[in-house]
Amino acid sequence: MKGGELSQALMLYRALVNEKIQSNWVLPERLSQEEDLEAVVVVRARRDGTVFDIDFEKKSGNSYFDDSVLKAILKSKPFPPFPDIYSPQEEEIVIRFAPENVRS
């Protein structure tokens, strides 16, 4: 297998996970106008999509915002299984959350 195919499969997988989480993210209206809010979360998942660890790499400083991020991830469990081309048993996915990423 070519490295390019593998990295493309991983990028596609991460995009699918991000899409699923973003579709489950509900941000309180009063926070959607806040431009300085950002949270970065590291999520660890197994091949079958089981999420086994969620850790904030950076909290936003706003507990409502951070709670909404955590709820979106929890609501998105399990993640899709890894693509067949991608063989590791687990993967670490870093996701950035900012108000402009929320669908209205």
PDB file of N, CA and C in Angstrom:
ATOM      1  N   MET A   1       0.836  -1.181   0.000  1.00  0.00           N
ATOM      2  CA  MET A   1       0.000   0.000   0.000  1.00  0.00           C
ATOM      3  C   MET A   1       0.881   1.244   0.000  1.00  0.00           C
ATOM      4  N   LYS A   2       0.453   2.224  -0.718  1.00  0.00           N
ATOM      5  CA  LYS A   2       1.214   3.471  -0.792  1.00  0.00           C
ATOM      6  C   LYS A   2       0.894   4.372   0.388  1.00  0.00           C
ATOM      7  N   GLY A   3       1.910   5.096   0.846  1.00  0.00           N
ATOM      8  CA  GLY A   3       1.724   6.016   1.960  1.00  0.00           C
ATOM      9  C   GLY A   3       0.692   7.083   1.669  1.00  0.00           C
ATOM     10  N   GLY A   4       0.614   7.519   0.407  1.00  0.00           N
ATOM     11  CA  GLY A   4      -0.353   8.537   0.015  1.00  0.00           C
ATOM     12  C   GLY A   4      -1.782   8.061   0.207  1.00  0.00           C
ATOM     13  N   GLU A   5      -2.036   6.799  -0.158  1.00  0.00           N
ATOM     14  CA  GLU A   5      -3.380   6.228   0.015  1.00  0.00           C
ATOM     15  C   GLU A   5      -3.739   6.157   1.497  1.00  0.00           C
ATOM     16  N   LEU A   6      -2.749   5.773   2.302  1.00  0.00           N
ATOM     17  CA  LEU A   6      -2.967   5.632   3.735  1.00  0.00           C
ATOM     18  C   LEU A   6      -3.274   6.989   4.364  1.00  0.00           C
ATOM     19  N   SER A   7      -2.480   8.001   4.045  1.00  0.00           N
ATOM     20  CA  SER A   7      -2.726   9.314   4.645  1.00  0.00           C
ATOM     21  C   SER A   7      -4.042   9.900   4.132  1.00  0.00           C
ATOM     22  N   GLN A   8      -4.402   9.604   2.894  1.00  0.00           N
ATOM     23  CA  GLN A   8      -5.676  10.074   2.354  1.00  0.00           C
ATOM     24  C   GLN A   8      -6.845   9.399   3.087  1.00  0.00           C
ATOM     25  N   ALA A   9      -6.707   8.097   3.369  1.00  0.00           N
ATOM     26  CA  ALA A   9      -7.750   7.372   4.107  1.00  0.00           C
ATOM     27  C   ALA A   9      -7.901   7.950   5.512  1.00  0.00           C
ATOM     28  N   LEU A  10      -6.777   8.261   6.149  1.00  0.00           N
ATOM     29  CA  LEU A  10      -6.816   8.828   7.494  1.00  0.00           C
ATOM     30  C   LEU A  10      -7.444  10.224   7.478  1.00  0.00           C
ATOM     31  N   MET A  11      -7.090  11.031   6.491  1.00  0.00           N
ATOM     32  CA  MET A  11      -7.677  12.372   6.377  1.00  0.00           C
ATOM     33  C   MET A  11      -9.192  12.284   6.169  1.00  0.00           C
ATOM     34  N   LEU A  12      -9.616  11.350   5.324  1.00  0.00           N
ATOM     35  CA  LEU A  12     -11.040  11.170   5.065  1.00  0.00           C
ATOM     36  C   LEU A  12     -11.751  10.714   6.340  1.00  0.00           C
ATOM     37  N   TYR A  13     -11.127   9.796   7.068  1.00  0.00           N
ATOM     38  CA  TYR A  13     -11.714   9.311   8.316  1.00  0.00           C
ATOM     39  C   TYR A  13     -11.876  10.457   9.322  1.00  0.00           C
ATOM     40  N   ARG A  14     -10.833  11.238   9.478  1.00  0.00           N
ATOM     41  CA  ARG A  14     -10.897  12.368  10.420  1.00  0.00           C
ATOM     42  C   ARG A  14     -11.960  13.372   9.998  1.00  0.00           C
ATOM     43  N   ALA A  15     -12.121  13.569   8.702  1.00  0.00           N
ATOM     44  CA  ALA A  15     -13.165  14.475   8.205  1.00  0.00           C
ATOM     45  C   ALA A  15     -14.556  13.926   8.530  1.00  0.00           C
ATOM     46  N   LEU A  16     -14.745  12.605   8.402  1.00  0.00           N
ATOM     47  CA  LEU A  16     -16.026  11.978   8.741  1.00  0.00           C
ATOM     48  C   LEU A  16     -16.349  12.148  10.222  1.00  0.00           C
ATOM     49  N   VAL A  17     -15.346  11.930  11.064  1.00  0.00           N
ATOM     50  CA  VAL A  17     -15.535  12.080  12.513  1.00  0.00           C
ATOM     51  C   VAL A  17     -15.873  13.528  12.837  1.00  0.00           C
ATOM     52  N   ASN A  18     -15.137  14.451  12.251  1.00  0.00           N
ATOM     53  CA  ASN A  18     -15.366  15.875  12.497  1.00  0.00           C
ATOM     54  C   ASN A  18     -16.775  16.276  12.065  1.00  0.00           C
ATOM     55  N   GLU A  19     -17.194  15.786  10.908  1.00  0.00           N
ATOM     56  CA  GLU A  19     -18.534  16.073  10.390  1.00  0.00           C
ATOM     57  C   GLU A  19     -19.612  15.566  11.355  1.00  0.00           C
ATOM     58  N   LYS A  20     -19.426  14.360  11.864  1.00  0.00           N
ATOM     59  CA  LYS A  20     -20.403  13.776  12.788  1.00  0.00           C
ATOM     60  C   LYS A  20     -20.496  14.607  14.076  1.00  0.00           C
ATOM     61  N   ILE A  21     -19.344  14.984  14.612  1.00  0.00           N
ATOM     62  CA  ILE A  21     -19.334  15.772  15.848  1.00  0.00           C
ATOM     63  C   ILE A  21     -19.947  17.151  15.614  1.00  0.00           C
ATOM     64  N   GLN A  22     -19.547  17.805  14.528  1.00  0.00           N
ATOM     65  CA  GLN A  22     -20.080  19.144  14.238  1.00  0.00           C
ATOM     66  C   GLN A  22     -21.595  19.105  14.080  1.00  0.00           C
ATOM     67  N   SER A  23     -22.128  18.028  13.492  1.00  0.00           N
ATOM     68  CA  SER A  23     -23.585  17.941  13.300  1.00  0.00           C
ATOM     69  C   SER A  23     -24.318  17.745  14.626  1.00  0.00           C
ATOM     70  N   ASN A  24     -23.610  17.276  15.648  1.00  0.00           N
ATOM     71  CA  ASN A  24     -24.208  17.079  16.974  1.00  0.00           C
ATOM     72  C   ASN A  24     -23.901  18.217  17.946  1.00  0.00           C
ATOM     73  N   TRP A  25     -23.198  19.239  17.460  1.00  0.00           N
ATOM     74  CA  TRP A  25     -22.789  20.328  18.346  1.00  0.00           C
ATOM     75  C   TRP A  25     -23.841  21.423  18.360  1.00  0.00           C
ATOM     76  N   VAL A  26     -24.385  21.668  19.545  1.00  0.00           N
ATOM     77  CA  VAL A  26     -25.359  22.739  19.734  1.00  0.00           C
ATOM     78  C   VAL A  26     -24.727  23.741  20.690  1.00  0.00           C
ATOM     79  N   LEU A  27     -24.544  24.938  20.210  1.00  0.00           N
ATOM     80  CA  LEU A  27     -23.923  25.979  21.019  1.00  0.00           C
ATOM     81  C   LEU A  27     -24.997  26.974  21.459  1.00  0.00           C
ATOM     82  N   PRO A  28     -25.053  27.281  22.756  1.00  0.00           N
ATOM     83  CA  PRO A  28     -26.034  28.279  23.204  1.00  0.00           C
ATOM     84  C   PRO A  28     -25.896  29.573  22.400  1.00  0.00           C
ATOM     85  N   GLU A  29     -27.032  30.128  22.009  1.00  0.00           N
ATOM     86  CA  GLU A  29     -27.066  31.304  21.130  1.00  0.00           C
ATOM     87  C   GLU A  29     -26.156  32.429  21.619  1.00  0.00           C
ATOM     88  N   ARG A  30     -26.175  32.694  22.916  1.00  0.00           N
ATOM     89  CA  ARG A  30     -25.385  33.824  23.434  1.00  0.00           C
ATOM     90  C   ARG A  30     -23.879  33.600  23.270  1.00  0.00           C
ATOM     91  N   LEU A  31     -23.470  32.350  23.093  1.00  0.00           N
ATOM     92  CA  LEU A  31     -22.037  32.075  22.916  1.00  0.00           C
ATOM     93  C   LEU A  31     -21.622  32.076  21.447  1.00  0.00           C
ATOM     94  N   SER A  32     -22.592  31.994  20.547  1.00  0.00           N
ATOM     95  CA  SER A  32     -22.255  31.900  19.123  1.00  0.00           C
ATOM     96  C   SER A  32     -21.628  33.183  18.581  1.00  0.00           C
ATOM     97  N   GLN A  33     -21.792  34.288  19.297  1.00  0.00           N
ATOM     98  CA  GLN A  33     -21.214  35.560  18.863  1.00  0.00           C
ATOM     99  C   GLN A  33     -19.816  35.809  19.445  1.00  0.00           C
ATOM    100  N   GLU A  34     -19.418  34.980  20.386  1.00  0.00           N
ATOM    101  CA  GLU A  34     -18.120  35.142  21.041  1.00  0.00           C
ATOM    102  C   GLU A  34     -17.004  34.680  20.102  1.00  0.00           C
ATOM    103  N   GLU A  35     -16.154  35.593  19.706  1.00  0.00           N
ATOM    104  CA  GLU A  35     -15.122  35.257  18.729  1.00  0.00           C
ATOM    105  C   GLU A  35     -13.857  34.675  19.360  1.00  0.00           C
ATOM    106  N   ASP A  36     -13.659  34.893  20.644  1.00  0.00           N
ATOM    107  CA  ASP A  36     -12.418  34.455  21.279  1.00  0.00           C
ATOM    108  C   ASP A  36     -12.476  33.024  21.791  1.00  0.00           C
ATOM    109  N   LEU A  37     -13.633  32.397  21.736  1.00  0.00           N
ATOM    110  CA  LEU A  37     -13.771  31.051  22.286  1.00  0.00           C
ATOM    111  C   LEU A  37     -13.158  30.011  21.352  1.00  0.00           C
ATOM    112  N   GLU A  38     -12.363  29.148  21.942  1.00  0.00           N
ATOM    113  CA  GLU A  38     -11.804  28.023  21.190  1.00  0.00           C
ATOM    114  C   GLU A  38     -11.438  26.926  22.183  1.00  0.00           C
ATOM    115  N   ALA A  39     -11.770  25.709  21.824  1.00  0.00           N
ATOM    116  CA  ALA A  39     -11.374  24.550  22.618  1.00  0.00           C
ATOM    117  C   ALA A  39     -10.734  23.543  21.674  1.00  0.00           C
ATOM    118  N   VAL A  40      -9.727  22.844  22.180  1.00  0.00           N
ATOM    119  CA  VAL A  40      -9.070  21.795  21.405  1.00  0.00           C
ATOM    120  C   VAL A  40      -9.160  20.515  22.224  1.00  0.00           C
ATOM    121  N   VAL A  41      -9.707  19.480  21.585  1.00  0.00           N
ATOM    122  CA  VAL A  41      -9.947  18.229  22.280  1.00  0.00           C
ATOM    123  C   VAL A  41      -9.221  17.095  21.571  1.00  0.00           C
ATOM    124  N   VAL A  42      -8.607  16.225  22.364  1.00  0.00           N
ATOM    125  CA  VAL A  42      -7.965  15.020  21.829  1.00  0.00           C
ATOM    126  C   VAL A  42      -8.885  13.849  22.163  1.00  0.00           C
ATOM    127  N   VAL A  43      -9.318  13.148  21.127  1.00  0.00           N
ATOM    128  CA  VAL A  43     -10.207  11.997  21.296  1.00  0.00           C
ATOM    129  C   VAL A  43      -9.463  10.758  20.805  1.00  0.00           C
ATOM    130  N   ARG A  44      -9.510   9.704  21.609  1.00  0.00           N
ATOM    131  CA  ARG A  44      -8.872   8.449  21.208  1.00  0.00           C
ATOM    132  C   ARG A  44      -9.956   7.426  20.920  1.00  0.00           C
ATOM    133  N   ALA A  45      -9.822   6.782  19.755  1.00  0.00           N
ATOM    134  CA  ALA A  45     -10.827   5.806  19.323  1.00  0.00           C
ATOM    135  C   ALA A  45     -10.145   4.530  18.855  1.00  0.00           C
ATOM    136  N   ARG A  46     -10.875   3.425  18.992  1.00  0.00           N
ATOM    137  CA  ARG A  46     -10.394   2.120  18.520  1.00  0.00           C
ATOM    138  C   ARG A  46     -10.882   1.881  17.089  1.00  0.00           C
ATOM    139  N   ARG A  47     -10.325   0.849  16.471  1.00  0.00           N
ATOM    140  CA  ARG A  47     -10.667   0.477  15.083  1.00  0.00           C
ATOM    141  C   ARG A  47     -12.174   0.427  14.827  1.00  0.00           C
ATOM    142  N   ASP A  48     -12.919  -0.102  15.793  1.00  0.00           N
ATOM    143  CA  ASP A  48     -14.364  -0.280  15.589  1.00  0.00           C
ATOM    144  C   ASP A  48     -15.155   1.009  15.827  1.00  0.00           C
ATOM    145  N   GLY A  49     -14.469   2.096  16.160  1.00  0.00           N
ATOM    146  CA  GLY A  49     -15.129   3.383  16.382  1.00  0.00           C
ATOM    147  C   GLY A  49     -15.409   3.681  17.846  1.00  0.00           C
ATOM    148  N   THR A  50     -15.080   2.730  18.733  1.00  0.00           N
ATOM    149  CA  THR A  50     -15.295   2.950  20.160  1.00  0.00           C
ATOM    150  C   THR A  50     -14.400   4.086  20.659  1.00  0.00           C
ATOM    151  N   VAL A  51     -15.004   5.063  21.293  1.00  0.00           N
ATOM    152  CA  VAL A  51     -14.254   6.171  21.880  1.00  0.00           C
ATOM    153  C   VAL A  51     -13.886   5.770  23.306  1.00  0.00           C
ATOM    154  N   PHE A  52     -12.577   5.788  23.613  1.00  0.00           N
ATOM    155  CA  PHE A  52     -12.177   5.352  24.957  1.00  0.00           C
ATOM    156  C   PHE A  52     -11.494   6.437  25.770  1.00  0.00           C
ATOM    157  N   ASP A  53     -11.260   7.611  25.183  1.00  0.00           N
ATOM    158  CA  ASP A  53     -10.652   8.685  25.961  1.00  0.00           C
ATOM    159  C   ASP A  53     -10.950  10.027  25.305  1.00  0.00           C
ATOM    160  N   ILE A  54     -11.342  10.993  26.110  1.00  0.00           N
ATOM    161  CA  ILE A  54     -11.602  12.360  25.651  1.00  0.00           C
ATOM    162  C   ILE A  54     -10.859  13.284  26.609  1.00  0.00           C
ATOM    163  N   ASP A  55     -10.000  14.128  26.062  1.00  0.00           N
ATOM    164  CA  ASP A  55      -9.189  14.984  26.917  1.00  0.00           C
ATOM    165  C   ASP A  55      -9.071  16.374  26.286  1.00  0.00           C
ATOM    166  N   PHE A  56      -9.311  17.393  27.076  1.00  0.00           N
ATOM    167  CA  PHE A  56      -9.133  18.763  26.577  1.00  0.00           C
ATOM    168  C   PHE A  56      -7.644  19.084  26.523  1.00  0.00           C
ATOM    169  N   GLU A  57      -7.159  19.405  25.339  1.00  0.00           N
ATOM    170  CA  GLU A  57      -5.793  19.904  25.201  1.00  0.00           C
ATOM    171  C   GLU A  57      -5.785  21.383  25.561  1.00  0.00           C
ATOM    172  N   LYS A  58      -6.903  22.063  25.223  1.00  0.00           N
ATOM    173  CA  LYS A  58      -7.059  23.484  25.550  1.00  0.00           C
ATOM    174  C   LYS A  58      -8.536  23.742  25.820  1.00  0.00           C
ATOM    175  N   LYS A  59      -8.845  24.269  26.995  1.00  0.00           N
ATOM    176  CA  LYS A  59     -10.222  24.659  27.302  1.00  0.00           C
ATOM    177  C   LYS A  59     -10.429  26.110  26.861  1.00  0.00           C
ATOM    178  N   SER A  60     -11.682  26.445  26.616  1.00  0.00           N
ATOM    179  CA  SER A  60     -11.997  27.784  26.108  1.00  0.00           C
ATOM    180  C   SER A  60     -11.986  28.847  27.202  1.00  0.00           C
ATOM    181  N   GLY A  61     -12.150  28.412  28.451  1.00  0.00           N
ATOM    182  CA  GLY A  61     -12.281  29.371  29.541  1.00  0.00           C
ATOM    183  C   GLY A  61     -13.740  29.662  29.857  1.00  0.00           C
ATOM    184  N   ASN A  62     -14.649  29.106  29.057  1.00  0.00           N
ATOM    185  CA  ASN A  62     -16.082  29.271  29.287  1.00  0.00           C
ATOM    186  C   ASN A  62     -16.675  27.880  29.505  1.00  0.00           C
ATOM    187  N   SER A  63     -17.191  27.627  30.703  1.00  0.00           N
ATOM    188  CA  SER A  63     -17.657  26.277  31.039  1.00  0.00           C
ATOM    189  C   SER A  63     -18.852  25.848  30.182  1.00  0.00           C
ATOM    190  N   TYR A  64     -19.726  26.772  29.787  1.00  0.00           N
ATOM    191  CA  TYR A  64     -20.862  26.419  28.928  1.00  0.00           C
ATOM    192  C   TYR A  64     -20.374  25.955  27.559  1.00  0.00           C
ATOM    193  N   PHE A  65     -19.410  26.674  27.024  1.00  0.00           N
ATOM    194  CA  PHE A  65     -18.837  26.323  25.724  1.00  0.00           C
ATOM    195  C   PHE A  65     -18.174  24.943  25.804  1.00  0.00           C
ATOM    196  N   ASP A  66     -17.340  24.756  26.826  1.00  0.00           N
ATOM    197  CA  ASP A  66     -16.638  23.471  26.973  1.00  0.00           C
ATOM    198  C   ASP A  66     -17.617  22.321  27.182  1.00  0.00           C
ATOM    199  N   ASP A  67     -18.684  22.559  27.954  1.00  0.00           N
ATOM    200  CA  ASP A  67     -19.711  21.526  28.151  1.00  0.00           C
ATOM    201  C   ASP A  67     -20.386  21.168  26.826  1.00  0.00           C
ATOM    202  N   SER A  68     -20.657  22.174  25.991  1.00  0.00           N
ATOM    203  CA  SER A  68     -21.317  21.912  24.710  1.00  0.00           C
ATOM    204  C   SER A  68     -20.411  21.077  23.803  1.00  0.00           C
ATOM    205  N   VAL A  69     -19.109  21.322  23.868  1.00  0.00           N
ATOM    206  CA  VAL A  69     -18.131  20.550  23.102  1.00  0.00           C
ATOM    207  C   VAL A  69     -18.141  19.087  23.556  1.00  0.00           C
ATOM    208  N   LEU A  70     -18.057  18.889  24.858  1.00  0.00           N
ATOM    209  CA  LEU A  70     -18.048  17.538  25.411  1.00  0.00           C
ATOM    210  C   LEU A  70     -19.335  16.783  25.068  1.00  0.00           C
ATOM    211  N   LYS A  71     -20.479  17.464  25.173  1.00  0.00           N
ATOM    212  CA  LYS A  71     -21.760  16.828  24.835  1.00  0.00           C
ATOM    213  C   LYS A  71     -21.803  16.415  23.366  1.00  0.00           C
ATOM    214  N   ALA A  72     -21.257  17.248  22.487  1.00  0.00           N
ATOM    215  CA  ALA A  72     -21.247  16.920  21.055  1.00  0.00           C
ATOM    216  C   ALA A  72     -20.441  15.654  20.794  1.00  0.00           C
ATOM    217  N   ILE A  73     -19.298  15.522  21.466  1.00  0.00           N
ATOM    218  CA  ILE A  73     -18.461  14.340  21.280  1.00  0.00           C
ATOM    219  C   ILE A  73     -19.172  13.103  21.831  1.00  0.00           C
ATOM    220  N   LEU A  74     -19.725  13.225  23.026  1.00  0.00           N
ATOM    221  CA  LEU A  74     -20.424  12.091  23.641  1.00  0.00           C
ATOM    222  C   LEU A  74     -21.627  11.655  22.807  1.00  0.00           C
ATOM    223  N   LYS A  75     -22.327  12.609  22.249  1.00  0.00           N
ATOM    224  CA  LYS A  75     -23.496  12.309  21.417  1.00  0.00           C
ATOM    225  C   LYS A  75     -23.085  11.641  20.097  1.00  0.00           C
ATOM    226  N   SER A  76     -21.845  11.820  19.696  1.00  0.00           N
ATOM    227  CA  SER A  76     -21.341  11.287  18.426  1.00  0.00           C
ATOM    228  C   SER A  76     -20.769   9.880  18.542  1.00  0.00           C
ATOM    229  N   LYS A  77     -20.731   9.349  19.768  1.00  0.00           N
ATOM    230  CA  LYS A  77     -20.200   8.000  19.971  1.00  0.00           C
ATOM    231  C   LYS A  77     -21.219   6.963  19.508  1.00  0.00           C
ATOM    232  N   PRO A  78     -20.805   5.854  18.951  1.00  0.00           N
ATOM    233  CA  PRO A  78     -19.431   5.578  18.533  1.00  0.00           C
ATOM    234  C   PRO A  78     -19.109   6.302  17.226  1.00  0.00           C
ATOM    235  N   PHE A  79     -17.828   6.469  16.976  1.00  0.00           N
ATOM    236  CA  PHE A  79     -17.380   7.028  15.711  1.00  0.00           C
ATOM    237  C   PHE A  79     -17.513   5.951  14.631  1.00  0.00           C
ATOM    238  N   PRO A  80     -17.426   6.341  13.371  1.00  0.00           N
ATOM    239  CA  PRO A  80     -17.406   5.322  12.315  1.00  0.00           C
ATOM    240  C   PRO A  80     -16.171   4.423  12.496  1.00  0.00           C
ATOM    241  N   PRO A  81     -16.246   3.165  12.075  1.00  0.00           N
ATOM    242  CA  PRO A  81     -15.056   2.317  12.149  1.00  0.00           C
ATOM    243  C   PRO A  81     -13.975   2.835  11.193  1.00  0.00           C
ATOM    244  N   PHE A  82     -12.728   2.487  11.492  1.00  0.00           N
ATOM    245  CA  PHE A  82     -11.617   2.902  10.628  1.00  0.00           C
ATOM    246  C   PHE A  82     -11.805   2.314   9.228  1.00  0.00           C
ATOM    247  N   PRO A  83     -11.309   2.995   8.209  1.00  0.00           N
ATOM    248  CA  PRO A  83     -11.334   2.417   6.861  1.00  0.00           C
ATOM    249  C   PRO A  83     -10.480   1.132   6.835  1.00  0.00           C
ATOM    250  N   ASP A  84     -10.853   0.180   6.003  1.00  0.00           N
ATOM    251  CA  ASP A  84     -10.115  -1.084   5.903  1.00  0.00           C
ATOM    252  C   ASP A  84      -8.634  -0.870   5.596  1.00  0.00           C
ATOM    253  N   ILE A  85      -8.341   0.143   4.809  1.00  0.00           N
ATOM    254  CA  ILE A  85      -6.957   0.407   4.387  1.00  0.00           C
ATOM    255  C   ILE A  85      -6.087   0.855   5.565  1.00  0.00           C
ATOM    256  N   TYR A  86      -6.722   1.311   6.639  1.00  0.00           N
ATOM    257  CA  TYR A  86      -5.999   1.865   7.785  1.00  0.00           C
ATOM    258  C   TYR A  86      -5.930   0.823   8.891  1.00  0.00           C
ATOM    259  N   SER A  87      -4.721   0.343   9.204  1.00  0.00           N
ATOM    260  CA  SER A  87      -4.577  -0.836  10.063  1.00  0.00           C
ATOM    261  C   SER A  87      -4.333  -0.611  11.560  1.00  0.00           C
ATOM    262  N   PRO A  88      -3.939   0.564  12.042  1.00  0.00           N
ATOM    263  CA  PRO A  88      -3.695   0.699  13.481  1.00  0.00           C
ATOM    264  C   PRO A  88      -4.926   0.319  14.317  1.00  0.00           C
ATOM    265  N   GLN A  89      -4.658  -0.102  15.538  1.00  0.00           N
ATOM    266  CA  GLN A  89      -5.733  -0.528  16.437  1.00  0.00           C
ATOM    267  C   GLN A  89      -6.455   0.648  17.084  1.00  0.00           C
ATOM    268  N   GLU A  90      -5.770   1.782  17.171  1.00  0.00           N
ATOM    269  CA  GLU A  90      -6.404   2.976  17.737  1.00  0.00           C
ATOM    270  C   GLU A  90      -5.804   4.216  17.103  1.00  0.00           C
ATOM    271  N   GLU A  91      -6.529   5.315  17.246  1.00  0.00           N
ATOM    272  CA  GLU A  91      -6.106   6.565  16.629  1.00  0.00           C
ATOM    273  C   GLU A  91      -6.425   7.721  17.568  1.00  0.00           C
ATOM    274  N   GLU A  92      -5.556   8.719  17.541  1.00  0.00           N
ATOM    275  CA  GLU A  92      -5.755   9.943  18.317  1.00  0.00           C
ATOM    276  C   GLU A  92      -6.190  11.023  17.337  1.00  0.00           C
ATOM    277  N   ILE A  93      -7.323  11.629  17.621  1.00  0.00           N
ATOM    278  CA  ILE A  93      -7.880  12.639  16.725  1.00  0.00           C
ATOM    279  C   ILE A  93      -7.977  13.957  17.491  1.00  0.00           C
ATOM    280  N   VAL A  94      -7.375  14.996  16.934  1.00  0.00           N
ATOM    281  CA  VAL A  94      -7.406  16.317  17.564  1.00  0.00           C
ATOM    282  C   VAL A  94      -8.466  17.147  16.844  1.00  0.00           C
ATOM    283  N   ILE A  95      -9.394  17.701  17.628  1.00  0.00           N
ATOM    284  CA  ILE A  95     -10.495  18.462  17.049  1.00  0.00           C
ATOM    285  C   ILE A  95     -10.516  19.862  17.650  1.00  0.00           C
ATOM    286  N   ARG A  96     -10.604  20.858  16.785  1.00  0.00           N
ATOM    287  CA  ARG A  96     -10.663  22.258  17.210  1.00  0.00           C
ATOM    288  C   ARG A  96     -12.119  22.726  17.136  1.00  0.00           C
ATOM    289  N   PHE A  97     -12.577  23.331  18.210  1.00  0.00           N
ATOM    290  CA  PHE A  97     -13.943  23.856  18.269  1.00  0.00           C
ATOM    291  C   PHE A  97     -13.888  25.367  18.406  1.00  0.00           C
ATOM    292  N   ALA A  98     -14.632  26.057  17.543  1.00  0.00           N
ATOM    293  CA  ALA A  98     -14.762  27.507  17.620  1.00  0.00           C
ATOM    294  C   ALA A  98     -16.181  27.851  17.170  1.00  0.00           C
ATOM    295  N   PRO A  99     -16.752  28.949  17.676  1.00  0.00           N
ATOM    296  CA  PRO A  99     -18.148  29.280  17.335  1.00  0.00           C
ATOM    297  C   PRO A  99     -18.446  29.300  15.828  1.00  0.00           C
ATOM    298  N   GLU A 100     -17.486  29.691  15.008  1.00  0.00           N
ATOM    299  CA  GLU A 100     -17.758  29.763  13.564  1.00  0.00           C
ATOM    300  C   GLU A 100     -17.924  28.381  12.931  1.00  0.00           C
ATOM    301  N   ASN A 101     -17.591  27.320  13.673  1.00  0.00           N
ATOM    302  CA  ASN A 101     -17.738  25.964  13.144  1.00  0.00           C
ATOM    303  C   ASN A 101     -19.131  25.379  13.375  1.00  0.00           C
ATOM    304  N   VAL A 102     -19.962  26.077  14.137  1.00  0.00           N
ATOM    305  CA  VAL A 102     -21.285  25.554  14.479  1.00  0.00           C
ATOM    306  C   VAL A 102     -22.248  25.789  13.318  1.00  0.00           C
ATOM    307  N   ARG A 103     -23.022  24.757  13.025  1.00  0.00           N
ATOM    308  CA  ARG A 103     -24.077  24.917  12.015  1.00  0.00           C
ATOM    309  C   ARG A 103     -25.275  25.589  12.686  1.00  0.00           C
ATOM    310  N   SER A 104     -25.899  26.499  11.940  1.00  0.00           N
ATOM    311  CA  SER A 104     -27.086  27.124  12.518  1.00  0.00           C
ATOM    312  C   SER A 104     -28.342  26.568  11.890  1.00  0.00           C
TER     313      SER A 104
END
